[in-house]
N, C-alpha and C. Protein backbone atom coordinates (compact mmCIF):
# COMPACT_ATOMS: atom_id res chain seq x y z
N UNK A 1 165.98 88.14 145.63
CA UNK A 1 164.85 87.42 145.02
C UNK A 1 163.56 88.19 145.20
N UNK A 2 163.43 88.75 146.40
CA UNK A 2 162.24 89.56 146.66
C UNK A 2 162.20 90.77 145.76
N UNK A 3 163.37 91.37 145.53
CA UNK A 3 163.46 92.53 144.66
C UNK A 3 163.09 92.17 143.23
N UNK A 4 163.60 91.03 142.74
CA UNK A 4 163.28 90.58 141.38
C UNK A 4 161.79 90.31 141.23
N UNK A 5 161.21 89.71 142.28
CA UNK A 5 159.77 89.41 142.25
C UNK A 5 158.96 90.70 142.19
N UNK A 6 159.41 91.69 142.96
CA UNK A 6 158.70 92.98 142.98
C UNK A 6 158.78 93.66 141.62
N UNK A 7 159.99 93.59 141.03
CA UNK A 7 160.16 94.21 139.70
C UNK A 7 159.28 93.51 138.68
N UNK A 8 159.25 92.17 138.76
CA UNK A 8 158.41 91.40 137.82
C UNK A 8 156.95 91.75 137.99
N UNK A 9 156.51 91.85 139.25
CA UNK A 9 155.13 92.19 139.54
C UNK A 9 154.79 93.60 139.04
N UNK A 10 155.74 94.52 139.21
CA UNK A 10 155.52 95.91 138.76
C UNK A 10 155.39 95.95 137.24
N UNK A 11 156.25 95.21 136.57
CA UNK A 11 156.19 95.18 135.11
C UNK A 11 154.87 94.57 134.62
N UNK A 12 154.44 93.54 135.35
CA UNK A 12 153.17 92.90 134.98
C UNK A 12 152.01 93.87 135.15
N UNK A 13 152.06 94.65 136.24
CA UNK A 13 151.00 95.63 136.47
C UNK A 13 151.01 96.70 135.39
N UNK A 14 152.23 97.13 135.00
CA UNK A 14 152.33 98.13 133.94
C UNK A 14 151.74 97.60 132.63
N UNK A 15 152.06 96.33 132.36
CA UNK A 15 151.54 95.72 131.13
C UNK A 15 150.02 95.65 131.16
N UNK A 16 149.48 95.27 132.33
CA UNK A 16 148.03 95.19 132.47
C UNK A 16 147.38 96.55 132.28
N UNK A 17 148.00 97.56 132.89
CA UNK A 17 147.47 98.93 132.76
C UNK A 17 147.51 99.39 131.31
N UNK A 18 148.63 99.11 130.64
CA UNK A 18 148.78 99.50 129.24
C UNK A 18 147.73 98.80 128.37
N UNK A 19 147.58 97.50 128.62
CA UNK A 19 146.59 96.75 127.84
C UNK A 19 145.17 97.25 128.10
N UNK A 20 144.90 97.59 129.37
CA UNK A 20 143.59 98.13 129.71
C UNK A 20 143.33 99.45 129.00
N UNK A 21 144.35 100.30 128.97
CA UNK A 21 144.23 101.59 128.28
C UNK A 21 143.98 101.39 126.79
N UNK A 22 144.68 100.42 126.18
CA UNK A 22 144.48 100.12 124.77
C UNK A 22 143.06 99.63 124.52
N UNK A 23 142.59 98.76 125.43
CA UNK A 23 141.24 98.23 125.31
C UNK A 23 140.20 99.35 125.43
N UNK A 24 140.42 100.22 126.42
CA UNK A 24 139.51 101.35 126.63
C UNK A 24 139.47 102.26 125.41
N UNK A 25 140.66 102.51 124.83
CA UNK A 25 140.74 103.35 123.65
C UNK A 25 140.03 102.70 122.46
N UNK A 26 140.21 101.38 122.34
CA UNK A 26 139.56 100.64 121.25
C UNK A 26 138.04 100.70 121.38
N UNK A 27 137.55 100.56 122.61
CA UNK A 27 136.11 100.61 122.86
C UNK A 27 135.56 102.00 122.53
N UNK A 28 136.31 103.04 122.94
CA UNK A 28 135.88 104.41 122.65
C UNK A 28 135.85 104.67 121.15
N UNK A 29 136.88 104.18 120.46
CA UNK A 29 136.95 104.36 119.01
C UNK A 29 135.80 103.64 118.32
N UNK A 30 135.54 102.41 118.76
CA UNK A 30 134.45 101.62 118.17
C UNK A 30 133.10 102.29 118.45
N UNK A 31 132.95 102.76 119.68
CA UNK A 31 131.70 103.44 120.06
C UNK A 31 131.49 104.70 119.22
N UNK A 32 132.59 105.43 119.00
CA UNK A 32 132.51 106.65 118.19
C UNK A 32 132.10 106.33 116.76
N UNK A 33 132.67 105.24 116.21
CA UNK A 33 132.33 104.84 114.85
C UNK A 33 130.86 104.44 114.74
N UNK A 34 130.39 103.68 115.76
CA UNK A 34 128.99 103.28 115.78
C UNK A 34 128.08 104.50 115.86
N UNK A 35 128.47 105.48 116.69
CA UNK A 35 127.69 106.69 116.87
C UNK A 35 127.60 107.47 115.56
N UNK A 36 128.73 107.61 114.87
CA UNK A 36 128.75 108.33 113.60
C UNK A 36 127.89 107.60 112.57
N UNK A 37 128.01 106.28 112.52
CA UNK A 37 127.22 105.48 111.58
C UNK A 37 125.73 105.63 111.85
N UNK A 38 125.37 105.61 113.14
CA UNK A 38 123.96 105.75 113.52
C UNK A 38 123.44 107.13 113.16
N UNK A 39 124.26 108.16 113.38
CA UNK A 39 123.85 109.53 113.04
C UNK A 39 123.62 109.67 111.55
N UNK A 40 124.51 109.06 110.76
CA UNK A 40 124.37 109.11 109.31
C UNK A 40 123.10 108.40 108.87
N UNK A 41 122.81 107.27 109.51
CA UNK A 41 121.61 106.52 109.19
C UNK A 41 120.36 107.32 109.50
N UNK A 42 120.34 107.97 110.67
CA UNK A 42 119.20 108.78 111.07
C UNK A 42 119.02 109.99 110.15
N UNK A 43 120.14 110.60 109.77
CA UNK A 43 120.07 111.75 108.87
C UNK A 43 119.55 111.34 107.50
N UNK A 44 119.95 110.17 107.05
CA UNK A 44 119.48 109.66 105.77
C UNK A 44 117.96 109.42 105.82
N UNK A 45 117.49 108.87 106.94
CA UNK A 45 116.05 108.63 107.11
C UNK A 45 115.29 109.95 107.14
N UNK A 46 115.86 110.94 107.86
CA UNK A 46 115.23 112.25 107.94
C UNK A 46 115.16 112.91 106.57
N UNK A 47 116.26 112.83 105.82
CA UNK A 47 116.30 113.41 104.48
C UNK A 47 115.24 112.79 103.58
N UNK A 48 115.09 111.48 103.66
CA UNK A 48 114.08 110.78 102.85
C UNK A 48 112.69 111.26 103.22
N UNK A 49 112.42 111.40 104.52
CA UNK A 49 111.11 111.85 104.99
C UNK A 49 110.81 113.26 104.50
N UNK A 50 111.76 114.17 104.68
CA UNK A 50 111.57 115.56 104.28
C UNK A 50 111.40 115.68 102.77
N UNK A 51 112.19 114.93 102.02
CA UNK A 51 112.08 114.93 100.57
C UNK A 51 110.68 114.51 100.13
N UNK A 52 110.18 113.44 100.73
CA UNK A 52 108.84 112.97 100.39
C UNK A 52 107.77 114.01 100.71
N UNK A 53 107.91 114.64 101.87
CA UNK A 53 106.93 115.64 102.30
C UNK A 53 106.89 116.82 101.34
N UNK A 54 108.05 117.36 101.02
CA UNK A 54 108.10 118.53 100.14
C UNK A 54 107.64 118.17 98.73
N UNK A 55 108.06 117.01 98.25
CA UNK A 55 107.69 116.60 96.88
C UNK A 55 106.17 116.42 96.76
N UNK A 56 105.58 115.69 97.70
CA UNK A 56 104.15 115.40 97.58
C UNK A 56 103.31 116.65 97.87
N UNK A 57 103.77 117.51 98.77
CA UNK A 57 103.00 118.72 99.07
C UNK A 57 103.07 119.72 97.92
N UNK A 58 104.22 119.79 97.27
CA UNK A 58 104.32 120.64 96.07
C UNK A 58 103.35 120.15 95.01
N UNK A 59 103.31 118.84 94.79
CA UNK A 59 102.39 118.26 93.81
C UNK A 59 100.94 118.53 94.21
N UNK A 60 100.64 118.37 95.51
CA UNK A 60 99.28 118.60 95.99
C UNK A 60 98.81 120.02 95.80
N UNK A 61 99.69 120.97 96.12
CA UNK A 61 99.31 122.38 95.96
C UNK A 61 99.18 122.75 94.48
N UNK A 62 99.99 122.11 93.64
CA UNK A 62 99.85 122.33 92.20
C UNK A 62 98.49 121.84 91.73
N UNK A 63 98.14 120.62 92.15
CA UNK A 63 96.84 120.07 91.78
C UNK A 63 95.69 120.91 92.30
N UNK A 64 95.81 121.37 93.55
CA UNK A 64 94.74 122.17 94.16
C UNK A 64 94.55 123.49 93.43
N UNK A 65 95.65 124.13 93.06
CA UNK A 65 95.53 125.41 92.35
C UNK A 65 94.81 125.21 91.01
N UNK A 66 95.04 124.07 90.36
CA UNK A 66 94.37 123.80 89.09
C UNK A 66 92.92 123.36 89.29
N UNK A 67 92.61 122.77 90.44
CA UNK A 67 91.20 122.48 90.75
C UNK A 67 90.41 123.78 90.80
N UNK A 68 90.96 124.78 91.47
CA UNK A 68 90.24 126.06 91.58
C UNK A 68 90.23 126.81 90.25
N UNK A 69 91.26 126.61 89.44
CA UNK A 69 91.23 127.19 88.09
C UNK A 69 90.10 126.58 87.28
N UNK A 70 89.92 125.27 87.43
CA UNK A 70 88.82 124.60 86.75
C UNK A 70 87.46 125.08 87.23
N UNK A 71 87.35 125.29 88.54
CA UNK A 71 86.10 125.81 89.08
C UNK A 71 85.81 127.22 88.56
N UNK A 72 86.84 128.04 88.49
CA UNK A 72 86.66 129.41 87.99
C UNK A 72 86.29 129.42 86.51
N UNK A 73 86.80 128.45 85.76
CA UNK A 73 86.49 128.39 84.32
C UNK A 73 85.00 128.17 84.10
N UNK A 74 84.36 127.46 85.01
CA UNK A 74 82.92 127.17 84.88
C UNK A 74 82.08 128.17 85.66
N UNK A 75 82.53 128.53 86.85
CA UNK A 75 81.71 129.35 87.76
C UNK A 75 82.27 130.76 87.94
N UNK A 76 83.07 131.22 86.99
CA UNK A 76 83.73 132.52 87.13
C UNK A 76 82.79 133.71 87.22
N UNK A 77 81.54 133.53 86.80
CA UNK A 77 80.57 134.63 86.86
C UNK A 77 79.45 134.35 87.85
N UNK A 78 79.64 133.32 88.67
CA UNK A 78 78.60 132.95 89.64
C UNK A 78 78.75 133.76 90.92
N UNK A 79 77.83 133.57 91.83
CA UNK A 79 77.85 134.31 93.10
C UNK A 79 79.00 133.89 94.01
N UNK A 80 79.47 132.67 93.81
CA UNK A 80 80.56 132.21 94.69
C UNK A 80 81.93 132.38 94.04
N UNK A 81 81.99 133.02 92.88
CA UNK A 81 83.27 133.22 92.19
C UNK A 81 84.31 133.92 93.07
N UNK A 82 83.93 135.00 93.79
CA UNK A 82 84.94 135.66 94.65
C UNK A 82 85.51 134.72 95.72
N UNK A 83 84.66 133.83 96.23
CA UNK A 83 85.09 132.88 97.24
C UNK A 83 86.07 131.86 96.65
N UNK A 84 85.74 131.36 95.47
CA UNK A 84 86.63 130.41 94.80
C UNK A 84 87.96 131.09 94.46
N UNK A 85 87.89 132.33 94.00
CA UNK A 85 89.10 133.07 93.65
C UNK A 85 90.01 133.25 94.87
N UNK A 86 89.41 133.52 96.02
CA UNK A 86 90.20 133.69 97.25
C UNK A 86 90.90 132.39 97.64
N UNK A 87 90.19 131.27 97.54
CA UNK A 87 90.81 129.98 97.87
C UNK A 87 91.90 129.63 96.86
N UNK A 88 91.66 129.97 95.61
CA UNK A 88 92.65 129.74 94.56
C UNK A 88 93.94 130.52 94.87
N UNK A 89 93.80 131.74 95.31
CA UNK A 89 94.97 132.56 95.65
C UNK A 89 95.73 131.97 96.84
N UNK A 90 95.00 131.41 97.80
CA UNK A 90 95.66 130.74 98.93
C UNK A 90 96.52 129.59 98.43
N UNK A 91 95.95 128.77 97.54
CA UNK A 91 96.68 127.62 97.03
C UNK A 91 97.90 128.05 96.22
N UNK A 92 97.78 129.13 95.49
CA UNK A 92 98.91 129.62 94.70
C UNK A 92 100.04 130.12 95.60
N UNK A 93 99.69 130.70 96.75
CA UNK A 93 100.71 131.12 97.71
C UNK A 93 101.40 129.89 98.31
N UNK A 94 100.60 128.88 98.62
CA UNK A 94 101.18 127.63 99.14
C UNK A 94 102.14 127.03 98.12
N UNK A 95 101.69 127.00 96.87
CA UNK A 95 102.50 126.44 95.79
C UNK A 95 103.82 127.18 95.65
N UNK A 96 103.76 128.50 95.69
CA UNK A 96 104.98 129.31 95.56
C UNK A 96 105.96 129.00 96.67
N UNK A 97 105.44 128.78 97.89
CA UNK A 97 106.32 128.46 99.01
C UNK A 97 106.97 127.09 98.83
N UNK A 98 106.21 126.12 98.37
CA UNK A 98 106.79 124.79 98.18
C UNK A 98 107.78 124.78 97.03
N UNK A 99 107.60 125.64 96.06
CA UNK A 99 108.60 125.75 95.00
C UNK A 99 109.91 126.31 95.55
N UNK A 100 109.81 127.21 96.52
CA UNK A 100 111.02 127.70 97.20
C UNK A 100 111.68 126.56 98.00
N UNK A 101 110.84 125.76 98.67
CA UNK A 101 111.37 124.68 99.49
C UNK A 101 112.04 123.59 98.65
N UNK A 102 111.54 123.36 97.45
CA UNK A 102 112.19 122.42 96.55
C UNK A 102 113.66 122.80 96.34
N UNK A 103 113.88 124.10 96.17
CA UNK A 103 115.24 124.60 95.95
C UNK A 103 116.04 124.58 97.25
N UNK A 104 115.43 125.07 98.32
CA UNK A 104 116.14 125.17 99.61
C UNK A 104 116.60 123.80 100.11
N UNK A 105 115.78 122.77 99.93
CA UNK A 105 116.09 121.43 100.43
C UNK A 105 116.66 120.52 99.35
N UNK A 106 116.85 121.08 98.15
CA UNK A 106 117.41 120.32 97.03
C UNK A 106 116.59 119.05 96.75
N UNK A 107 115.29 119.25 96.57
CA UNK A 107 114.37 118.14 96.32
C UNK A 107 113.86 118.23 94.88
N UNK A 108 113.88 117.11 94.18
CA UNK A 108 113.33 117.12 92.83
C UNK A 108 111.81 116.99 92.90
N UNK A 109 111.08 117.69 92.05
CA UNK A 109 109.62 117.54 92.03
C UNK A 109 109.22 116.22 91.39
N UNK A 110 108.01 115.77 91.63
CA UNK A 110 107.53 114.56 90.98
C UNK A 110 107.44 114.78 89.47
N UNK A 111 107.69 113.72 88.73
CA UNK A 111 107.60 113.81 87.26
C UNK A 111 106.14 113.83 86.80
N UNK A 112 105.21 113.68 87.75
CA UNK A 112 103.79 113.59 87.40
C UNK A 112 103.08 114.95 87.41
N UNK A 113 103.83 116.03 87.58
CA UNK A 113 103.23 117.36 87.64
C UNK A 113 102.29 117.64 86.46
N UNK A 114 102.69 117.37 85.21
CA UNK A 114 101.76 117.64 84.09
C UNK A 114 100.43 116.89 84.24
N UNK A 115 100.49 115.66 84.74
CA UNK A 115 99.28 114.87 84.95
C UNK A 115 98.39 115.49 86.01
N UNK A 116 99.00 115.97 87.12
CA UNK A 116 98.20 116.54 88.20
C UNK A 116 97.59 117.87 87.79
N UNK A 117 98.25 118.62 86.93
CA UNK A 117 97.66 119.86 86.41
C UNK A 117 96.38 119.55 85.63
N UNK A 118 96.49 118.58 84.73
CA UNK A 118 95.34 118.19 83.91
C UNK A 118 94.23 117.59 84.76
N UNK A 119 94.61 116.71 85.68
CA UNK A 119 93.62 116.05 86.54
C UNK A 119 92.93 117.07 87.44
N UNK A 120 93.71 118.01 87.99
CA UNK A 120 93.13 119.02 88.87
C UNK A 120 92.13 119.90 88.15
N UNK A 121 92.51 120.39 86.98
CA UNK A 121 91.61 121.26 86.22
C UNK A 121 90.35 120.51 85.82
N UNK A 122 90.51 119.27 85.36
CA UNK A 122 89.36 118.46 84.93
C UNK A 122 88.43 118.19 86.10
N UNK A 123 88.99 117.88 87.26
CA UNK A 123 88.18 117.61 88.45
C UNK A 123 87.41 118.86 88.86
N UNK A 124 88.10 120.00 88.93
CA UNK A 124 87.44 121.23 89.34
C UNK A 124 86.33 121.64 88.39
N UNK A 125 86.62 121.58 87.10
CA UNK A 125 85.61 121.96 86.10
C UNK A 125 84.47 120.96 86.07
N UNK A 126 84.80 119.67 86.14
CA UNK A 126 83.77 118.64 86.07
C UNK A 126 82.78 118.73 87.22
N UNK A 127 83.29 118.90 88.44
CA UNK A 127 82.39 119.02 89.60
C UNK A 127 81.57 120.30 89.52
N UNK A 128 82.13 121.34 88.96
CA UNK A 128 81.43 122.63 88.85
C UNK A 128 80.27 122.56 87.86
N UNK A 129 80.33 121.61 86.94
CA UNK A 129 79.20 121.42 86.01
C UNK A 129 77.96 120.93 86.74
N UNK A 130 78.16 120.41 87.96
CA UNK A 130 77.04 120.02 88.81
C UNK A 130 76.46 121.21 89.56
N UNK A 131 77.06 122.38 89.37
CA UNK A 131 76.60 123.58 90.05
C UNK A 131 77.52 124.02 91.17
N UNK A 132 77.15 125.08 91.83
CA UNK A 132 77.97 125.62 92.91
C UNK A 132 78.19 124.60 94.03
N UNK A 133 77.14 123.86 94.35
CA UNK A 133 77.25 122.87 95.42
C UNK A 133 78.15 121.71 95.02
N UNK A 134 78.18 121.41 93.74
CA UNK A 134 79.10 120.38 93.25
C UNK A 134 80.54 120.81 93.41
N UNK A 135 80.81 122.09 93.13
CA UNK A 135 82.16 122.63 93.30
C UNK A 135 82.56 122.59 94.78
N UNK A 136 81.62 122.94 95.65
CA UNK A 136 81.92 122.93 97.08
C UNK A 136 82.12 121.51 97.61
N UNK A 137 81.40 120.55 97.03
CA UNK A 137 81.60 119.16 97.42
C UNK A 137 83.01 118.70 97.06
N UNK A 138 83.48 119.12 95.91
CA UNK A 138 84.85 118.82 95.49
C UNK A 138 85.85 119.41 96.48
N UNK A 139 85.61 120.65 96.86
CA UNK A 139 86.49 121.32 97.82
C UNK A 139 86.53 120.58 99.15
N UNK A 140 85.36 120.20 99.64
CA UNK A 140 85.30 119.49 100.93
C UNK A 140 86.05 118.17 100.86
N UNK A 141 85.84 117.41 99.79
CA UNK A 141 86.49 116.10 99.66
C UNK A 141 88.00 116.22 99.63
N UNK A 142 88.49 117.17 98.83
CA UNK A 142 89.94 117.35 98.69
C UNK A 142 90.55 117.87 99.99
N UNK A 143 89.94 118.91 100.55
CA UNK A 143 90.54 119.55 101.72
C UNK A 143 90.47 118.67 102.97
N UNK A 144 89.47 117.81 103.08
CA UNK A 144 89.40 116.89 104.22
C UNK A 144 90.61 115.96 104.21
N UNK A 145 90.93 115.46 103.04
CA UNK A 145 92.08 114.55 102.92
C UNK A 145 93.40 115.30 103.12
N UNK A 146 93.51 116.48 102.54
CA UNK A 146 94.75 117.25 102.65
C UNK A 146 95.02 117.65 104.10
N UNK A 147 93.98 118.04 104.81
CA UNK A 147 94.15 118.44 106.21
C UNK A 147 94.69 117.28 107.05
N UNK A 148 94.11 116.09 106.87
CA UNK A 148 94.60 114.92 107.60
C UNK A 148 96.02 114.57 107.18
N UNK A 149 96.30 114.70 105.89
CA UNK A 149 97.63 114.41 105.37
C UNK A 149 98.68 115.33 106.01
N UNK A 150 98.35 116.61 106.12
CA UNK A 150 99.27 117.56 106.76
C UNK A 150 99.46 117.23 108.23
N UNK A 151 98.39 116.84 108.90
CA UNK A 151 98.50 116.45 110.31
C UNK A 151 99.45 115.26 110.47
N UNK A 152 99.33 114.29 109.59
CA UNK A 152 100.20 113.10 109.64
C UNK A 152 101.66 113.49 109.41
N UNK A 153 101.89 114.43 108.50
CA UNK A 153 103.27 114.86 108.23
C UNK A 153 103.87 115.57 109.43
N UNK A 154 103.10 116.42 110.07
CA UNK A 154 103.59 117.13 111.26
C UNK A 154 103.94 116.12 112.35
N UNK A 155 103.08 115.14 112.56
CA UNK A 155 103.34 114.11 113.58
C UNK A 155 104.63 113.35 113.25
N UNK A 156 104.81 113.01 111.97
CA UNK A 156 106.01 112.26 111.57
C UNK A 156 107.27 113.07 111.84
N UNK A 157 107.24 114.37 111.55
CA UNK A 157 108.42 115.21 111.79
C UNK A 157 108.67 115.44 113.28
N UNK A 158 107.61 115.56 114.06
CA UNK A 158 107.77 115.72 115.50
C UNK A 158 108.38 114.47 116.12
N UNK A 159 108.03 113.30 115.57
CA UNK A 159 108.59 112.05 116.06
C UNK A 159 110.02 111.85 115.58
N UNK A 160 110.42 112.57 114.54
CA UNK A 160 111.75 112.41 113.95
C UNK A 160 112.77 113.30 114.64
N UNK A 161 112.77 114.57 114.31
CA UNK A 161 113.68 115.52 114.95
C UNK A 161 113.10 116.93 114.80
N UNK A 162 112.20 117.31 115.69
CA UNK A 162 111.51 118.59 115.55
C UNK A 162 112.41 119.81 115.54
N UNK A 163 113.59 119.71 116.20
CA UNK A 163 114.50 120.86 116.22
C UNK A 163 115.04 121.16 114.82
N UNK A 164 115.33 120.09 114.07
CA UNK A 164 115.88 120.27 112.73
C UNK A 164 114.83 120.76 111.74
N UNK A 165 113.58 120.36 111.93
CA UNK A 165 112.54 120.62 110.94
C UNK A 165 111.49 121.62 111.43
N UNK A 166 111.84 122.44 112.42
CA UNK A 166 110.87 123.33 113.03
C UNK A 166 110.24 124.29 112.03
N UNK A 167 111.04 124.86 111.14
CA UNK A 167 110.50 125.80 110.16
C UNK A 167 109.49 125.12 109.24
N UNK A 168 109.83 123.95 108.75
CA UNK A 168 108.93 123.22 107.86
C UNK A 168 107.65 122.82 108.59
N UNK A 169 107.77 122.42 109.84
CA UNK A 169 106.60 122.06 110.65
C UNK A 169 105.64 123.24 110.76
N UNK A 170 106.17 124.42 111.03
CA UNK A 170 105.33 125.61 111.17
C UNK A 170 104.65 125.97 109.85
N UNK A 171 105.37 125.83 108.75
CA UNK A 171 104.78 126.12 107.43
C UNK A 171 103.61 125.18 107.16
N UNK A 172 103.80 123.91 107.41
CA UNK A 172 102.75 122.93 107.14
C UNK A 172 101.56 123.13 108.07
N UNK A 173 101.82 123.48 109.32
CA UNK A 173 100.72 123.77 110.24
C UNK A 173 99.87 124.93 109.74
N UNK A 174 100.52 125.98 109.24
CA UNK A 174 99.79 127.14 108.74
C UNK A 174 98.96 126.76 107.51
N UNK A 175 99.56 126.00 106.61
CA UNK A 175 98.84 125.59 105.40
C UNK A 175 97.69 124.65 105.75
N UNK A 176 97.90 123.79 106.75
CA UNK A 176 96.83 122.91 107.21
C UNK A 176 95.63 123.72 107.69
N UNK A 177 95.89 124.78 108.43
CA UNK A 177 94.81 125.63 108.92
C UNK A 177 94.06 126.29 107.76
N UNK A 178 94.80 126.70 106.73
CA UNK A 178 94.15 127.29 105.54
C UNK A 178 93.26 126.26 104.86
N UNK A 179 93.75 125.03 104.73
CA UNK A 179 92.96 123.98 104.07
C UNK A 179 91.72 123.63 104.89
N UNK A 180 91.86 123.65 106.21
CA UNK A 180 90.71 123.40 107.07
C UNK A 180 89.66 124.48 106.88
N UNK A 181 90.11 125.71 106.72
CA UNK A 181 89.18 126.81 106.47
C UNK A 181 88.44 126.60 105.14
N UNK A 182 89.15 126.17 104.11
CA UNK A 182 88.51 125.90 102.82
C UNK A 182 87.46 124.80 102.97
N UNK A 183 87.81 123.76 103.72
CA UNK A 183 86.88 122.66 103.97
C UNK A 183 85.60 123.17 104.63
N UNK A 184 85.77 123.99 105.64
CA UNK A 184 84.61 124.51 106.38
C UNK A 184 83.77 125.45 105.51
N UNK A 185 84.41 126.21 104.65
CA UNK A 185 83.70 127.08 103.72
C UNK A 185 82.82 126.24 102.78
N UNK A 186 83.39 125.14 102.29
CA UNK A 186 82.62 124.26 101.41
C UNK A 186 81.38 123.72 102.08
N UNK A 187 81.51 123.28 103.33
CA UNK A 187 80.35 122.78 104.07
C UNK A 187 79.32 123.88 104.28
N UNK A 188 79.80 125.08 104.59
CA UNK A 188 78.89 126.21 104.85
C UNK A 188 78.14 126.65 103.60
N UNK A 189 78.64 126.29 102.42
CA UNK A 189 78.01 126.69 101.17
C UNK A 189 77.35 125.52 100.44
N UNK A 190 76.86 124.59 101.22
CA UNK A 190 75.97 123.58 100.67
C UNK A 190 76.61 122.37 100.01
N UNK A 191 77.86 122.06 100.35
CA UNK A 191 78.54 120.92 99.72
C UNK A 191 77.75 119.63 99.87
N UNK A 192 77.19 119.41 101.06
CA UNK A 192 76.49 118.16 101.33
C UNK A 192 75.17 118.03 100.58
N UNK A 193 74.74 119.13 99.96
CA UNK A 193 73.51 119.09 99.17
C UNK A 193 73.78 118.83 97.69
N UNK A 194 75.04 118.62 97.35
CA UNK A 194 75.40 118.34 95.95
C UNK A 194 74.85 116.99 95.51
N UNK A 195 74.55 116.82 94.23
CA UNK A 195 74.09 115.52 93.72
C UNK A 195 75.12 114.43 94.00
N UNK A 196 74.64 113.30 94.52
CA UNK A 196 75.51 112.13 94.79
C UNK A 196 76.71 112.52 95.66
N UNK A 197 76.45 113.31 96.69
CA UNK A 197 77.53 113.86 97.53
C UNK A 197 78.45 112.77 98.07
N UNK A 198 77.91 111.73 98.68
CA UNK A 198 78.74 110.70 99.31
C UNK A 198 79.57 109.95 98.28
N UNK A 199 78.95 109.59 97.17
CA UNK A 199 79.68 108.87 96.12
C UNK A 199 80.76 109.76 95.53
N UNK A 200 80.40 111.02 95.28
CA UNK A 200 81.34 111.97 94.68
C UNK A 200 82.57 112.17 95.56
N UNK A 201 82.33 112.41 96.84
CA UNK A 201 83.46 112.67 97.75
C UNK A 201 84.30 111.41 97.96
N UNK A 202 83.65 110.23 97.95
CA UNK A 202 84.41 108.99 98.11
C UNK A 202 85.34 108.77 96.92
N UNK A 203 84.84 109.01 95.72
CA UNK A 203 85.66 108.84 94.51
C UNK A 203 86.83 109.84 94.51
N UNK A 204 86.52 111.10 94.84
CA UNK A 204 87.57 112.13 94.87
C UNK A 204 88.62 111.78 95.92
N UNK A 205 88.17 111.35 97.09
CA UNK A 205 89.10 110.99 98.16
C UNK A 205 90.03 109.85 97.76
N UNK A 206 89.47 108.84 97.11
CA UNK A 206 90.29 107.70 96.66
C UNK A 206 91.31 108.15 95.62
N UNK A 207 90.87 109.03 94.72
CA UNK A 207 91.78 109.54 93.70
C UNK A 207 92.93 110.34 94.30
N UNK A 208 92.61 111.14 95.31
CA UNK A 208 93.65 111.95 95.97
C UNK A 208 94.65 111.08 96.73
N UNK A 209 94.15 110.01 97.35
CA UNK A 209 95.06 109.09 98.06
C UNK A 209 96.03 108.44 97.08
N UNK A 210 95.51 108.07 95.91
CA UNK A 210 96.37 107.50 94.89
C UNK A 210 97.42 108.48 94.41
N UNK A 211 97.00 109.75 94.25
CA UNK A 211 97.94 110.79 93.80
C UNK A 211 99.04 111.02 94.83
N UNK A 212 98.67 110.99 96.10
CA UNK A 212 99.66 111.15 97.17
C UNK A 212 100.67 110.00 97.14
N UNK A 213 100.16 108.79 97.02
CA UNK A 213 101.03 107.60 97.00
C UNK A 213 102.04 107.68 95.87
N UNK A 214 101.58 108.05 94.68
CA UNK A 214 102.47 108.12 93.53
C UNK A 214 103.46 109.28 93.63
N UNK A 215 102.99 110.42 94.09
CA UNK A 215 103.84 111.62 94.14
C UNK A 215 104.96 111.49 95.16
N UNK A 216 104.75 110.72 96.20
CA UNK A 216 105.79 110.49 97.20
C UNK A 216 106.94 109.65 96.63
N UNK A 217 106.65 108.88 95.59
CA UNK A 217 107.61 107.89 95.12
C UNK A 217 108.18 108.15 93.73
N UNK A 218 107.48 108.93 92.93
CA UNK A 218 107.91 109.10 91.53
C UNK A 218 108.34 110.54 91.26
């Protein structure tokens, strides 16, 4: 009887161990599935963020290059023409890089590109009709917003996964520094002395915020 009891107890222990192993395996499998699902969710969020950044920055650099084209159309023979031309070339380099990134990251550009070309040229030329200081006021208003926008994008990527997006972060940091330089050049060349400076820059800033909002989504 003692032997039978021992055998029964041994079998019960084996069953318990087997069931425990099955439970442990089930937990590991479930945990693995949750982990994979979470990784996919995070990657999807990252992809959405990066897509928005590249799309809106491509649109912004396109608009900026046309702003300087508009300025050159009016002030191409003025004393500050070489300065405007230099900033225009910077924007065109930025634009070329973002066009590469569109392909590298498989991002579609915003469908509003034709509108931003027209709006950029009109803005640049229109402000330049106010004179050199009007053109510089336009530059200051646009670049102040773009610089902050780039800073916000870098912060968002650093909070997301900086190891995955390190190259893009460095590119945007460099472009941010270029835009800050343009902003400072505008101030140094009398932007604040432009007619209706505060009203002008407020209107331009609001327009740029609207363009950013639309370009991120359309």
